[in-house]
Amino acid sequence: MNISDITNAANSAGFSAVKQSDSFFQGISGASKQNSKTGSFESYILDAVNAVNEKQLDVNRIEQKLVTDPESVDIHDVTTAMAKAQMSLSLAQTVIDRLLTGWSELQTTR
């Protein structure tokens, strides 16, 4: 089994559909352009990690703005940003756990 088999399996399992349809993964303008292997499984994982990182940074920016200028930030925006960041981190942890479990099962069946 090579990397193209894993990429095809990931695409057929729905990773590409989730990446394209979910707004959670969108807005990563430079990440997919920087990767030389566009459409590869590696680029999907890197894009997802960059999206999770960006959500965490958004929460930090909103929290700092809340402390420095509380009148300019709605508390609901802070709560929503925190929930999005938590959900994206939870999703990333679940995907990583599943990938590691799958890889471990592939290695033990050899």
PDB file of N, CA and C in Angstrom:
ATOM      1  N   MET A   1       0.860  -1.178   0.000  1.00  0.00           N
ATOM      2  CA  MET A   1       0.000   0.000   0.000  1.00  0.00           C
ATOM      3  C   MET A   1       0.894   1.225   0.000  1.00  0.00           C
ATOM      4  N   ASN A   2       0.661   2.128  -0.962  1.00  0.00           N
ATOM      5  CA  ASN A   2       1.443   3.355  -1.024  1.00  0.00           C
ATOM      6  C   ASN A   2       0.572   4.560  -0.690  1.00  0.00           C
ATOM      7  N   ILE A   3       1.157   5.743  -0.763  1.00  0.00           N
ATOM      8  CA  ILE A   3       0.461   6.963  -0.353  1.00  0.00           C
ATOM      9  C   ILE A   3      -0.726   7.269  -1.253  1.00  0.00           C
ATOM     10  N   SER A   4      -0.645   6.921  -2.533  1.00  0.00           N
ATOM     11  CA  SER A   4      -1.789   7.191  -3.416  1.00  0.00           C
ATOM     12  C   SER A   4      -2.981   6.310  -3.047  1.00  0.00           C
ATOM     13  N   ASP A   5      -2.729   5.080  -2.578  1.00  0.00           N
ATOM     14  CA  ASP A   5      -3.821   4.228  -2.115  1.00  0.00           C
ATOM     15  C   ASP A   5      -4.494   4.820  -0.882  1.00  0.00           C
ATOM     16  N   ILE A   6      -3.691   5.348   0.023  1.00  0.00           N
ATOM     17  CA  ILE A   6      -4.235   5.975   1.231  1.00  0.00           C
ATOM     18  C   ILE A   6      -5.019   7.227   0.857  1.00  0.00           C
ATOM     19  N   THR A   7      -4.485   8.021  -0.079  1.00  0.00           N
ATOM     20  CA  THR A   7      -5.178   9.224  -0.518  1.00  0.00           C
ATOM     21  C   THR A   7      -6.510   8.871  -1.166  1.00  0.00           C
ATOM     22  N   ASN A   8      -6.514   7.849  -2.034  1.00  0.00           N
ATOM     23  CA  ASN A   8      -7.761   7.437  -2.676  1.00  0.00           C
ATOM     24  C   ASN A   8      -8.760   6.913  -1.659  1.00  0.00           C
ATOM     25  N   ALA A   9      -8.281   6.179  -0.664  1.00  0.00           N
ATOM     26  CA  ALA A   9      -9.173   5.675   0.378  1.00  0.00           C
ATOM     27  C   ALA A   9      -9.746   6.822   1.197  1.00  0.00           C
ATOM     28  N   ALA A  10      -8.924   7.815   1.483  1.00  0.00           N
ATOM     29  CA  ALA A  10      -9.403   8.972   2.239  1.00  0.00           C
ATOM     30  C   ALA A  10     -10.427   9.766   1.435  1.00  0.00           C
ATOM     31  N   ASN A  11     -10.164   9.917   0.140  1.00  0.00           N
ATOM     32  CA  ASN A  11     -11.120  10.630  -0.702  1.00  0.00           C
ATOM     33  C   ASN A  11     -12.441   9.876  -0.795  1.00  0.00           C
ATOM     34  N   SER A  12     -12.374   8.562  -0.919  1.00  0.00           N
ATOM     35  CA  SER A  12     -13.611   7.789  -1.003  1.00  0.00           C
ATOM     36  C   SER A  12     -14.322   7.727   0.344  1.00  0.00           C
ATOM     37  N   ALA A  13     -13.580   7.918   1.440  1.00  0.00           N
ATOM     38  CA  ALA A  13     -14.198   7.909   2.760  1.00  0.00           C
ATOM     39  C   ALA A  13     -14.871   9.233   3.086  1.00  0.00           C
ATOM     40  N   GLY A  14     -14.662  10.245   2.248  1.00  0.00           N
ATOM     41  CA  GLY A  14     -15.368  11.497   2.447  1.00  0.00           C
ATOM     42  C   GLY A  14     -14.536  12.648   2.950  1.00  0.00           C
ATOM     43  N   PHE A  15     -13.223  12.482   3.044  1.00  0.00           N
ATOM     44  CA  PHE A  15     -12.413  13.589   3.525  1.00  0.00           C
ATOM     45  C   PHE A  15     -12.497  14.777   2.579  1.00  0.00           C
ATOM     46  N   SER A  16     -12.485  14.535   1.272  1.00  0.00           N
ATOM     47  CA  SER A  16     -12.532  15.656   0.341  1.00  0.00           C
ATOM     48  C   SER A  16     -13.888  16.347   0.386  1.00  0.00           C
ATOM     49  N   ALA A  17     -14.963  15.597   0.572  1.00  0.00           N
ATOM     50  CA  ALA A  17     -16.287  16.214   0.645  1.00  0.00           C
ATOM     51  C   ALA A  17     -16.420  17.076   1.888  1.00  0.00           C
ATOM     52  N   VAL A  18     -15.875  16.599   2.994  1.00  0.00           N
ATOM     53  CA  VAL A  18     -15.927  17.389   4.216  1.00  0.00           C
ATOM     54  C   VAL A  18     -15.105  18.649   4.039  1.00  0.00           C
ATOM     55  N   LYS A  19     -13.945  18.539   3.449  1.00  0.00           N
ATOM     56  CA  LYS A  19     -13.083  19.692   3.290  1.00  0.00           C
ATOM     57  C   LYS A  19     -13.728  20.744   2.412  1.00  0.00           C
ATOM     58  N   GLN A  20     -14.395  20.331   1.341  1.00  0.00           N
ATOM     59  CA  GLN A  20     -14.946  21.300   0.416  1.00  0.00           C
ATOM     60  C   GLN A  20     -16.267  21.875   0.885  1.00  0.00           C
ATOM     61  N   SER A  21     -17.084  21.100   1.575  1.00  0.00           N
ATOM     62  CA  SER A  21     -18.414  21.571   1.914  1.00  0.00           C
ATOM     63  C   SER A  21     -18.502  22.261   3.262  1.00  0.00           C
ATOM     64  N   ASP A  22     -17.639  21.965   4.168  1.00  0.00           N
ATOM     65  CA  ASP A  22     -17.743  22.492   5.519  1.00  0.00           C
ATOM     66  C   ASP A  22     -17.007  23.819   5.621  1.00  0.00           C
ATOM     67  N   SER A  23     -17.691  24.834   6.119  1.00  0.00           N
ATOM     68  CA  SER A  23     -17.063  26.142   6.245  1.00  0.00           C
ATOM     69  C   SER A  23     -15.931  26.121   7.267  1.00  0.00           C
ATOM     70  N   PHE A  24     -15.925  25.119   8.109  1.00  0.00           N
ATOM     71  CA  PHE A  24     -14.864  24.935   9.100  1.00  0.00           C
ATOM     72  C   PHE A  24     -13.498  24.857   8.428  1.00  0.00           C
ATOM     73  N   PHE A  25     -13.426  24.200   7.246  1.00  0.00           N
ATOM     74  CA  PHE A  25     -12.167  24.015   6.569  1.00  0.00           C
ATOM     75  C   PHE A  25     -11.884  25.087   5.520  1.00  0.00           C
ATOM     76  N   GLN A  26     -12.847  25.968   5.262  1.00  0.00           N
ATOM     77  CA  GLN A  26     -12.646  26.970   4.225  1.00  0.00           C
ATOM     78  C   GLN A  26     -11.973  28.201   4.790  1.00  0.00           C
ATOM     79  N   GLY A  27     -11.460  29.028   3.917  1.00  0.00           N
ATOM     80  CA  GLY A  27     -10.808  30.252   4.342  1.00  0.00           C
ATOM     81  C   GLY A  27      -9.330  30.092   4.603  1.00  0.00           C
ATOM     82  N   ILE A  28      -8.745  29.019   4.125  1.00  0.00           N
ATOM     83  CA  ILE A  28      -7.315  28.791   4.298  1.00  0.00           C
ATOM     84  C   ILE A  28      -6.664  29.129   2.964  1.00  0.00           C
ATOM     85  N   SER A  29      -6.628  30.387   2.646  1.00  0.00           N
ATOM     86  CA  SER A  29      -6.281  30.813   1.297  1.00  0.00           C
ATOM     87  C   SER A  29      -4.889  30.356   0.859  1.00  0.00           C
ATOM     88  N   GLY A  30      -3.893  30.471   1.705  1.00  0.00           N
ATOM     89  CA  GLY A  30      -2.541  30.176   1.272  1.00  0.00           C
ATOM     90  C   GLY A  30      -2.083  28.755   1.493  1.00  0.00           C
ATOM     91  N   ALA A  31      -2.772  27.984   2.313  1.00  0.00           N
ATOM     92  CA  ALA A  31      -2.270  26.667   2.694  1.00  0.00           C
ATOM     93  C   ALA A  31      -2.249  25.699   1.527  1.00  0.00           C
ATOM     94  N   SER A  32      -3.335  25.621   0.769  1.00  0.00           N
ATOM     95  CA  SER A  32      -3.356  24.642  -0.311  1.00  0.00           C
ATOM     96  C   SER A  32      -2.494  25.097  -1.481  1.00  0.00           C
ATOM     97  N   LYS A  33      -2.277  26.406  -1.654  1.00  0.00           N
ATOM     98  CA  LYS A  33      -1.439  26.899  -2.732  1.00  0.00           C
ATOM     99  C   LYS A  33       0.029  26.649  -2.435  1.00  0.00           C
ATOM    100  N   GLN A  34       0.397  26.620  -1.166  1.00  0.00           N
ATOM    101  CA  GLN A  34       1.788  26.423  -0.802  1.00  0.00           C
ATOM    102  C   GLN A  34       2.211  24.971  -0.964  1.00  0.00           C
ATOM    103  N   ASN A  35       1.275  24.050  -0.814  1.00  0.00           N
ATOM    104  CA  ASN A  35       1.613  22.638  -0.918  1.00  0.00           C
ATOM    105  C   ASN A  35       1.829  22.265  -2.372  1.00  0.00           C
ATOM    106  N   SER A  36       2.913  21.588  -2.649  1.00  0.00           N
ATOM    107  CA  SER A  36       3.190  21.191  -4.019  1.00  0.00           C
ATOM    108  C   SER A  36       2.312  20.026  -4.452  1.00  0.00           C
ATOM    109  N   LYS A  37       1.816  19.254  -3.517  1.00  0.00           N
ATOM    110  CA  LYS A  37       0.979  18.097  -3.815  1.00  0.00           C
ATOM    111  C   LYS A  37      -0.491  18.480  -3.622  1.00  0.00           C
ATOM    112  N   THR A  38      -1.024  19.291  -4.510  1.00  0.00           N
ATOM    113  CA  THR A  38      -2.415  19.697  -4.363  1.00  0.00           C
ATOM    114  C   THR A  38      -3.308  18.486  -4.568  1.00  0.00           C
ATOM    115  N   GLY A  39      -4.316  18.378  -3.727  1.00  0.00           N
ATOM    116  CA  GLY A  39      -5.233  17.251  -3.817  1.00  0.00           C
ATOM    117  C   GLY A  39      -4.739  16.016  -3.089  1.00  0.00           C
ATOM    118  N   SER A  40      -3.584  16.070  -2.471  1.00  0.00           N
ATOM    119  CA  SER A  40      -3.073  14.902  -1.777  1.00  0.00           C
ATOM    120  C   SER A  40      -3.621  14.845  -0.357  1.00  0.00           C
ATOM    121  N   PHE A  41      -3.527  13.694   0.231  1.00  0.00           N
ATOM    122  CA  PHE A  41      -3.983  13.507   1.608  1.00  0.00           C
ATOM    123  C   PHE A  41      -3.197  14.391   2.559  1.00  0.00           C
ATOM    124  N   GLU A  42      -1.918  14.544   2.267  1.00  0.00           N
ATOM    125  CA  GLU A  42      -1.063  15.404   3.086  1.00  0.00           C
ATOM    126  C   GLU A  42      -1.576  16.846   3.096  1.00  0.00           C
ATOM    127  N   SER A  43      -1.974  17.335   1.937  1.00  0.00           N
ATOM    128  CA  SER A  43      -2.461  18.720   1.873  1.00  0.00           C
ATOM    129  C   SER A  43      -3.778  18.874   2.621  1.00  0.00           C
ATOM    130  N   TYR A  44      -4.636  17.848   2.594  1.00  0.00           N
ATOM    131  CA  TYR A  44      -5.884  17.910   3.354  1.00  0.00           C
ATOM    132  C   TYR A  44      -5.605  17.987   4.856  1.00  0.00           C
ATOM    133  N   ILE A  45      -4.689  17.191   5.324  1.00  0.00           N
ATOM    134  CA  ILE A  45      -4.353  17.199   6.743  1.00  0.00           C
ATOM    135  C   ILE A  45      -3.732  18.540   7.141  1.00  0.00           C
ATOM    136  N   LEU A  46      -2.812  19.037   6.338  1.00  0.00           N
ATOM    137  CA  LEU A  46      -2.183  20.324   6.640  1.00  0.00           C
ATOM    138  C   LEU A  46      -3.203  21.458   6.619  1.00  0.00           C
ATOM    139  N   ASP A  47      -4.120  21.436   5.664  1.00  0.00           N
ATOM    140  CA  ASP A  47      -5.173  22.454   5.615  1.00  0.00           C
ATOM    141  C   ASP A  47      -6.051  22.394   6.858  1.00  0.00           C
ATOM    142  N   ALA A  48      -6.381  21.192   7.289  1.00  0.00           N
ATOM    143  CA  ALA A  48      -7.220  21.037   8.476  1.00  0.00           C
ATOM    144  C   ALA A  48      -6.501  21.535   9.731  1.00  0.00           C
ATOM    145  N   VAL A  49      -5.224  21.229   9.863  1.00  0.00           N
ATOM    146  CA  VAL A  49      -4.458  21.695  11.020  1.00  0.00           C
ATOM    147  C   VAL A  49      -4.341  23.215  10.992  1.00  0.00           C
ATOM    148  N   ASN A  50      -4.133  23.784   9.818  1.00  0.00           N
ATOM    149  CA  ASN A  50      -4.076  25.238   9.704  1.00  0.00           C
ATOM    150  C   ASN A  50      -5.413  25.879  10.062  1.00  0.00           C
ATOM    151  N   ALA A  51      -6.516  25.237   9.694  1.00  0.00           N
ATOM    152  CA  ALA A  51      -7.845  25.764  10.031  1.00  0.00           C
ATOM    153  C   ALA A  51      -8.067  25.735  11.539  1.00  0.00           C
ATOM    154  N   VAL A  52      -7.668  24.652  12.181  1.00  0.00           N
ATOM    155  CA  VAL A  52      -7.797  24.556  13.639  1.00  0.00           C
ATOM    156  C   VAL A  52      -6.961  25.635  14.308  1.00  0.00           C
ATOM    157  N   ASN A  53      -5.750  25.828  13.833  1.00  0.00           N
ATOM    158  CA  ASN A  53      -4.876  26.858  14.380  1.00  0.00           C
ATOM    159  C   ASN A  53      -5.491  28.242  14.196  1.00  0.00           C
ATOM    160  N   GLU A  54      -6.059  28.498  13.042  1.00  0.00           N
ATOM    161  CA  GLU A  54      -6.666  29.808  12.777  1.00  0.00           C
ATOM    162  C   GLU A  54      -7.862  30.059  13.692  1.00  0.00           C
ATOM    163  N   LYS A  55      -8.647  29.033  13.975  1.00  0.00           N
ATOM    164  CA  LYS A  55      -9.770  29.186  14.904  1.00  0.00           C
ATOM    165  C   LYS A  55      -9.269  29.532  16.308  1.00  0.00           C
ATOM    166  N   GLN A  56      -8.201  28.890  16.728  1.00  0.00           N
ATOM    167  CA  GLN A  56      -7.632  29.187  18.044  1.00  0.00           C
ATOM    168  C   GLN A  56      -7.091  30.623  18.097  1.00  0.00           C
ATOM    169  N   LEU A  57      -6.457  31.060  17.025  1.00  0.00           N
ATOM    170  CA  LEU A  57      -5.937  32.428  16.970  1.00  0.00           C
ATOM    171  C   LEU A  57      -7.068  33.451  16.947  1.00  0.00           C
ATOM    172  N   ASP A  58      -8.180  33.131  16.282  1.00  0.00           N
ATOM    173  CA  ASP A  58      -9.338  34.027  16.279  1.00  0.00           C
ATOM    174  C   ASP A  58      -9.873  34.236  17.683  1.00  0.00           C
ATOM    175  N   VAL A  59      -9.937  33.174  18.461  1.00  0.00           N
ATOM    176  CA  VAL A  59     -10.399  33.285  19.845  1.00  0.00           C
ATOM    177  C   VAL A  59      -9.459  34.195  20.632  1.00  0.00           C
ATOM    178  N   ASN A  60      -8.158  34.030  20.449  1.00  0.00           N
ATOM    179  CA  ASN A  60      -7.196  34.884  21.160  1.00  0.00           C
ATOM    180  C   ASN A  60      -7.363  36.352  20.785  1.00  0.00           C
ATOM    181  N   ARG A  61      -7.575  36.616  19.484  1.00  0.00           N
ATOM    182  CA  ARG A  61      -7.761  37.998  19.044  1.00  0.00           C
ATOM    183  C   ARG A  61      -9.021  38.609  19.646  1.00  0.00           C
ATOM    184  N   ILE A  62     -10.108  37.847  19.640  1.00  0.00           N
ATOM    185  CA  ILE A  62     -11.369  38.363  20.181  1.00  0.00           C
ATOM    186  C   ILE A  62     -11.261  38.574  21.687  1.00  0.00           C
ATOM    187  N   GLU A  63     -10.597  37.653  22.388  1.00  0.00           N
ATOM    188  CA  GLU A  63     -10.418  37.821  23.838  1.00  0.00           C
ATOM    189  C   GLU A  63      -9.589  39.060  24.153  1.00  0.00           C
ATOM    190  N   GLN A  64      -8.526  39.286  23.395  1.00  0.00           N
ATOM    191  CA  GLN A  64      -7.709  40.477  23.616  1.00  0.00           C
ATOM    192  C   GLN A  64      -8.504  41.748  23.352  1.00  0.00           C
ATOM    193  N   LYS A  65      -9.314  41.721  22.299  1.00  0.00           N
ATOM    194  CA  LYS A  65     -10.142  42.877  21.991  1.00  0.00           C
ATOM    195  C   LYS A  65     -11.192  43.099  23.076  1.00  0.00           C
ATOM    196  N   LEU A  66     -11.709  42.013  23.649  1.00  0.00           N
ATOM    197  CA  LEU A  66     -12.688  42.117  24.728  1.00  0.00           C
ATOM    198  C   LEU A  66     -12.082  42.779  25.954  1.00  0.00           C
ATOM    199  N   VAL A  67     -10.831  42.465  26.237  1.00  0.00           N
ATOM    200  CA  VAL A  67     -10.162  43.045  27.406  1.00  0.00           C
ATOM    201  C   VAL A  67      -9.808  44.506  27.158  1.00  0.00           C
ATOM    202  N   THR A  68      -9.288  44.812  25.969  1.00  0.00           N
ATOM    203  CA  THR A  68      -8.829  46.170  25.700  1.00  0.00           C
ATOM    204  C   THR A  68      -9.956  47.137  25.352  1.00  0.00           C
ATOM    205  N   ASP A  69     -10.990  46.657  24.644  1.00  0.00           N
ATOM    206  CA  ASP A  69     -12.095  47.527  24.232  1.00  0.00           C
ATOM    207  C   ASP A  69     -13.402  46.751  24.330  1.00  0.00           C
ATOM    208  N   PRO A  70     -13.930  46.601  25.542  1.00  0.00           N
ATOM    209  CA  PRO A  70     -15.111  45.748  25.738  1.00  0.00           C
ATOM    210  C   PRO A  70     -16.364  46.212  25.003  1.00  0.00           C
ATOM    211  N   GLU A  71     -16.468  47.488  24.720  1.00  0.00           N
ATOM    212  CA  GLU A  71     -17.657  48.001  24.041  1.00  0.00           C
ATOM    213  C   GLU A  71     -17.727  47.581  22.574  1.00  0.00           C
ATOM    214  N   SER A  72     -16.607  47.264  21.980  1.00  0.00           N
ATOM    215  CA  SER A  72     -16.579  46.936  20.553  1.00  0.00           C
ATOM    216  C   SER A  72     -16.845  45.453  20.261  1.00  0.00           C
ATOM    217  N   VAL A  73     -16.909  44.631  21.294  1.00  0.00           N
ATOM    218  CA  VAL A  73     -17.083  43.195  21.098  1.00  0.00           C
ATOM    219  C   VAL A  73     -18.368  42.734  21.770  1.00  0.00           C
ATOM    220  N   ASP A  74     -19.149  41.978  21.018  1.00  0.00           N
ATOM    221  CA  ASP A  74     -20.349  41.364  21.586  1.00  0.00           C
ATOM    222  C   ASP A  74     -19.933  40.061  22.272  1.00  0.00           C
ATOM    223  N   ILE A  75     -20.449  39.838  23.459  1.00  0.00           N
ATOM    224  CA  ILE A  75     -20.070  38.645  24.225  1.00  0.00           C
ATOM    225  C   ILE A  75     -20.480  37.364  23.496  1.00  0.00           C
ATOM    226  N   HIS A  76     -21.527  37.454  22.688  1.00  0.00           N
ATOM    227  CA  HIS A  76     -21.959  36.286  21.928  1.00  0.00           C
ATOM    228  C   HIS A  76     -20.930  35.901  20.861  1.00  0.00           C
ATOM    229  N   ASP A  77     -20.234  36.890  20.321  1.00  0.00           N
ATOM    230  CA  ASP A  77     -19.172  36.598  19.356  1.00  0.00           C
ATOM    231  C   ASP A  77     -18.026  35.843  20.012  1.00  0.00           C
ATOM    232  N   VAL A  78     -17.726  36.205  21.242  1.00  0.00           N
ATOM    233  CA  VAL A  78     -16.667  35.510  21.986  1.00  0.00           C
ATOM    234  C   VAL A  78     -17.080  34.058  22.237  1.00  0.00           C
ATOM    235  N   THR A  79     -18.321  33.887  22.699  1.00  0.00           N
ATOM    236  CA  THR A  79     -18.814  32.535  22.984  1.00  0.00           C
ATOM    237  C   THR A  79     -18.852  31.683  21.722  1.00  0.00           C
ATOM    238  N   THR A  80     -19.308  32.267  20.626  1.00  0.00           N
ATOM    239  CA  THR A  80     -19.367  31.534  19.360  1.00  0.00           C
ATOM    240  C   THR A  80     -17.974  31.158  18.873  1.00  0.00           C
ATOM    241  N   ALA A  81     -17.035  32.081  18.951  1.00  0.00           N
ATOM    242  CA  ALA A  81     -15.662  31.795  18.519  1.00  0.00           C
ATOM    243  C   ALA A  81     -15.040  30.691  19.369  1.00  0.00           C
ATOM    244  N   MET A  82     -15.309  30.723  20.678  1.00  0.00           N
ATOM    245  CA  MET A  82     -14.778  29.676  21.557  1.00  0.00           C
ATOM    246  C   MET A  82     -15.390  28.312  21.221  1.00  0.00           C
ATOM    247  N   ALA A  83     -16.678  28.298  20.950  1.00  0.00           N
ATOM    248  CA  ALA A  83     -17.333  27.032  20.606  1.00  0.00           C
ATOM    249  C   ALA A  83     -16.803  26.486  19.286  1.00  0.00           C
ATOM    250  N   LYS A  84     -16.597  27.350  18.303  1.00  0.00           N
ATOM    251  CA  LYS A  84     -16.043  26.907  17.020  1.00  0.00           C
ATOM    252  C   LYS A  84     -14.630  26.353  17.194  1.00  0.00           C
ATOM    253  N   ALA A  85     -13.829  27.040  17.993  1.00  0.00           N
ATOM    254  CA  ALA A  85     -12.460  26.588  18.216  1.00  0.00           C
ATOM    255  C   ALA A  85     -12.444  25.242  18.945  1.00  0.00           C
ATOM    256  N   GLN A  86     -13.310  25.094  19.939  1.00  0.00           N
ATOM    257  CA  GLN A  86     -13.373  23.834  20.673  1.00  0.00           C
ATOM    258  C   GLN A  86     -13.844  22.695  19.775  1.00  0.00           C
ATOM    259  N   MET A  87     -14.839  22.977  18.939  1.00  0.00           N
ATOM    260  CA  MET A  87     -15.352  21.946  18.044  1.00  0.00           C
ATOM    261  C   MET A  87     -14.306  21.547  17.007  1.00  0.00           C
ATOM    262  N   SER A  88     -13.585  22.520  16.478  1.00  0.00           N
ATOM    263  CA  SER A  88     -12.564  22.202  15.484  1.00  0.00           C
ATOM    264  C   SER A  88     -11.430  21.394  16.105  1.00  0.00           C
ATOM    265  N   LEU A  89     -11.048  21.736  17.328  1.00  0.00           N
ATOM    266  CA  LEU A  89     -10.002  20.973  18.007  1.00  0.00           C
ATOM    267  C   LEU A  89     -10.466  19.552  18.314  1.00  0.00           C
ATOM    268  N   SER A  90     -11.701  19.414  18.748  1.00  0.00           N
ATOM    269  CA  SER A  90     -12.253  18.093  19.032  1.00  0.00           C
ATOM    270  C   SER A  90     -12.328  17.246  17.774  1.00  0.00           C
ATOM    271  N   LEU A  91     -12.752  17.858  16.670  1.00  0.00           N
ATOM    272  CA  LEU A  91     -12.820  17.137  15.404  1.00  0.00           C
ATOM    273  C   LEU A  91     -11.430  16.707  14.949  1.00  0.00           C
ATOM    274  N   ALA A  92     -10.459  17.599  15.089  1.00  0.00           N
ATOM    275  CA  ALA A  92      -9.085  17.265  14.693  1.00  0.00           C
ATOM    276  C   ALA A  92      -8.533  16.119  15.538  1.00  0.00           C
ATOM    277  N   GLN A  93      -8.800  16.150  16.832  1.00  0.00           N
ATOM    278  CA  GLN A  93      -8.336  15.068  17.703  1.00  0.00           C
ATOM    279  C   GLN A  93      -8.982  13.742  17.320  1.00  0.00           C
ATOM    280  N   THR A  94     -10.261  13.768  16.999  1.00  0.00           N
ATOM    281  CA  THR A  94     -10.958  12.546  16.602  1.00  0.00           C
ATOM    282  C   THR A  94     -10.401  11.984  15.303  1.00  0.00           C
ATOM    283  N   VAL A  95     -10.177  12.867  14.331  1.00  0.00           N
ATOM    284  CA  VAL A  95      -9.635  12.416  13.047  1.00  0.00           C
ATOM    285  C   VAL A  95      -8.240  11.841  13.226  1.00  0.00           C
ATOM    286  N   ILE A  96      -7.405  12.506  14.015  1.00  0.00           N
ATOM    287  CA  ILE A  96      -6.042  12.010  14.247  1.00  0.00           C
ATOM    288  C   ILE A  96      -6.081  10.661  14.955  1.00  0.00           C
ATOM    289  N   ASP A  97      -6.944  10.518  15.944  1.00  0.00           N
ATOM    290  CA  ASP A  97      -7.068   9.237  16.646  1.00  0.00           C
ATOM    291  C   ASP A  97      -7.503   8.134  15.694  1.00  0.00           C
ATOM    292  N   ARG A  98      -8.462   8.432  14.829  1.00  0.00           N
ATOM    293  CA  ARG A  98      -8.933   7.422  13.867  1.00  0.00           C
ATOM    294  C   ARG A  98      -7.845   7.060  12.864  1.00  0.00           C
ATOM    295  N   LEU A  99      -7.092   8.063  12.407  1.00  0.00           N
ATOM    296  CA  LEU A  99      -6.004   7.780  11.476  1.00  0.00           C
ATOM    297  C   LEU A  99      -4.937   6.908  12.120  1.00  0.00           C
ATOM    298  N   LEU A 100      -4.587   7.218  13.348  1.00  0.00           N
ATOM    299  CA  LEU A 100      -3.573   6.411  14.038  1.00  0.00           C
ATOM    300  C   LEU A 100      -4.075   4.995  14.291  1.00  0.00           C
ATOM    301  N   THR A 101      -5.340   4.866  14.656  1.00  0.00           N
ATOM    302  CA  THR A 101      -5.915   3.539  14.863  1.00  0.00           C
ATOM    303  C   THR A 101      -5.917   2.747  13.557  1.00  0.00           C
ATOM    304  N   GLY A 102      -6.319   3.401  12.471  1.00  0.00           N
ATOM    305  CA  GLY A 102      -6.321   2.733  11.167  1.00  0.00           C
ATOM    306  C   GLY A 102      -4.932   2.335  10.727  1.00  0.00           C
ATOM    307  N   TRP A 103      -3.976   3.225  10.923  1.00  0.00           N
ATOM    308  CA  TRP A 103      -2.592   2.916  10.549  1.00  0.00           C
ATOM    309  C   TRP A 103      -2.056   1.759  11.393  1.00  0.00           C
ATOM    310  N   SER A 104      -2.376   1.758  12.659  1.00  0.00           N
ATOM    311  CA  SER A 104      -1.941   0.675  13.535  1.00  0.00           C
ATOM    312  C   SER A 104      -2.540  -0.649  13.092  1.00  0.00           C
ATOM    313  N   GLU A 105      -3.801  -0.644  12.714  1.00  0.00           N
ATOM    314  CA  GLU A 105      -4.433  -1.882  12.242  1.00  0.00           C
ATOM    315  C   GLU A 105      -3.829  -2.347  10.934  1.00  0.00           C
ATOM    316  N   LEU A 106      -3.477  -1.400  10.052  1.00  0.00           N
ATOM    317  CA  LEU A 106      -2.815  -1.782   8.798  1.00  0.00           C
ATOM    318  C   LEU A 106      -1.451  -2.410   9.069  1.00  0.00           C
ATOM    319  N   GLN A 107      -0.730  -1.870  10.012  1.00  0.00           N
ATOM    320  CA  GLN A 107       0.592  -2.400  10.324  1.00  0.00           C
ATOM    321  C   GLN A 107       0.524  -3.781  10.960  1.00  0.00           C
ATOM    322  N   THR A 108      -0.493  -4.031  11.798  1.00  0.00           N
ATOM    323  CA  THR A 108      -0.573  -5.322  12.460  1.00  0.00           C
ATOM    324  C   THR A 108      -1.092  -6.412  11.536  1.00  0.00           C
ATOM    325  N   THR A 109      -1.800  -6.057  10.471  1.00  0.00           N
ATOM    326  CA  THR A 109      -2.295  -7.085   9.555  1.00  0.00           C
ATOM    327  C   THR A 109      -1.242  -7.543   8.574  1.00  0.00           C
ATOM    328  N   ARG A 110      -0.145  -6.826   8.453  1.00  0.00           N
ATOM    329  CA  ARG A 110       0.926  -7.221   7.551  1.00  0.00           C
ATOM    330  C   ARG A 110       1.606  -8.377   8.145  1.00  0.00           C
TER     331      ARG A 110
END
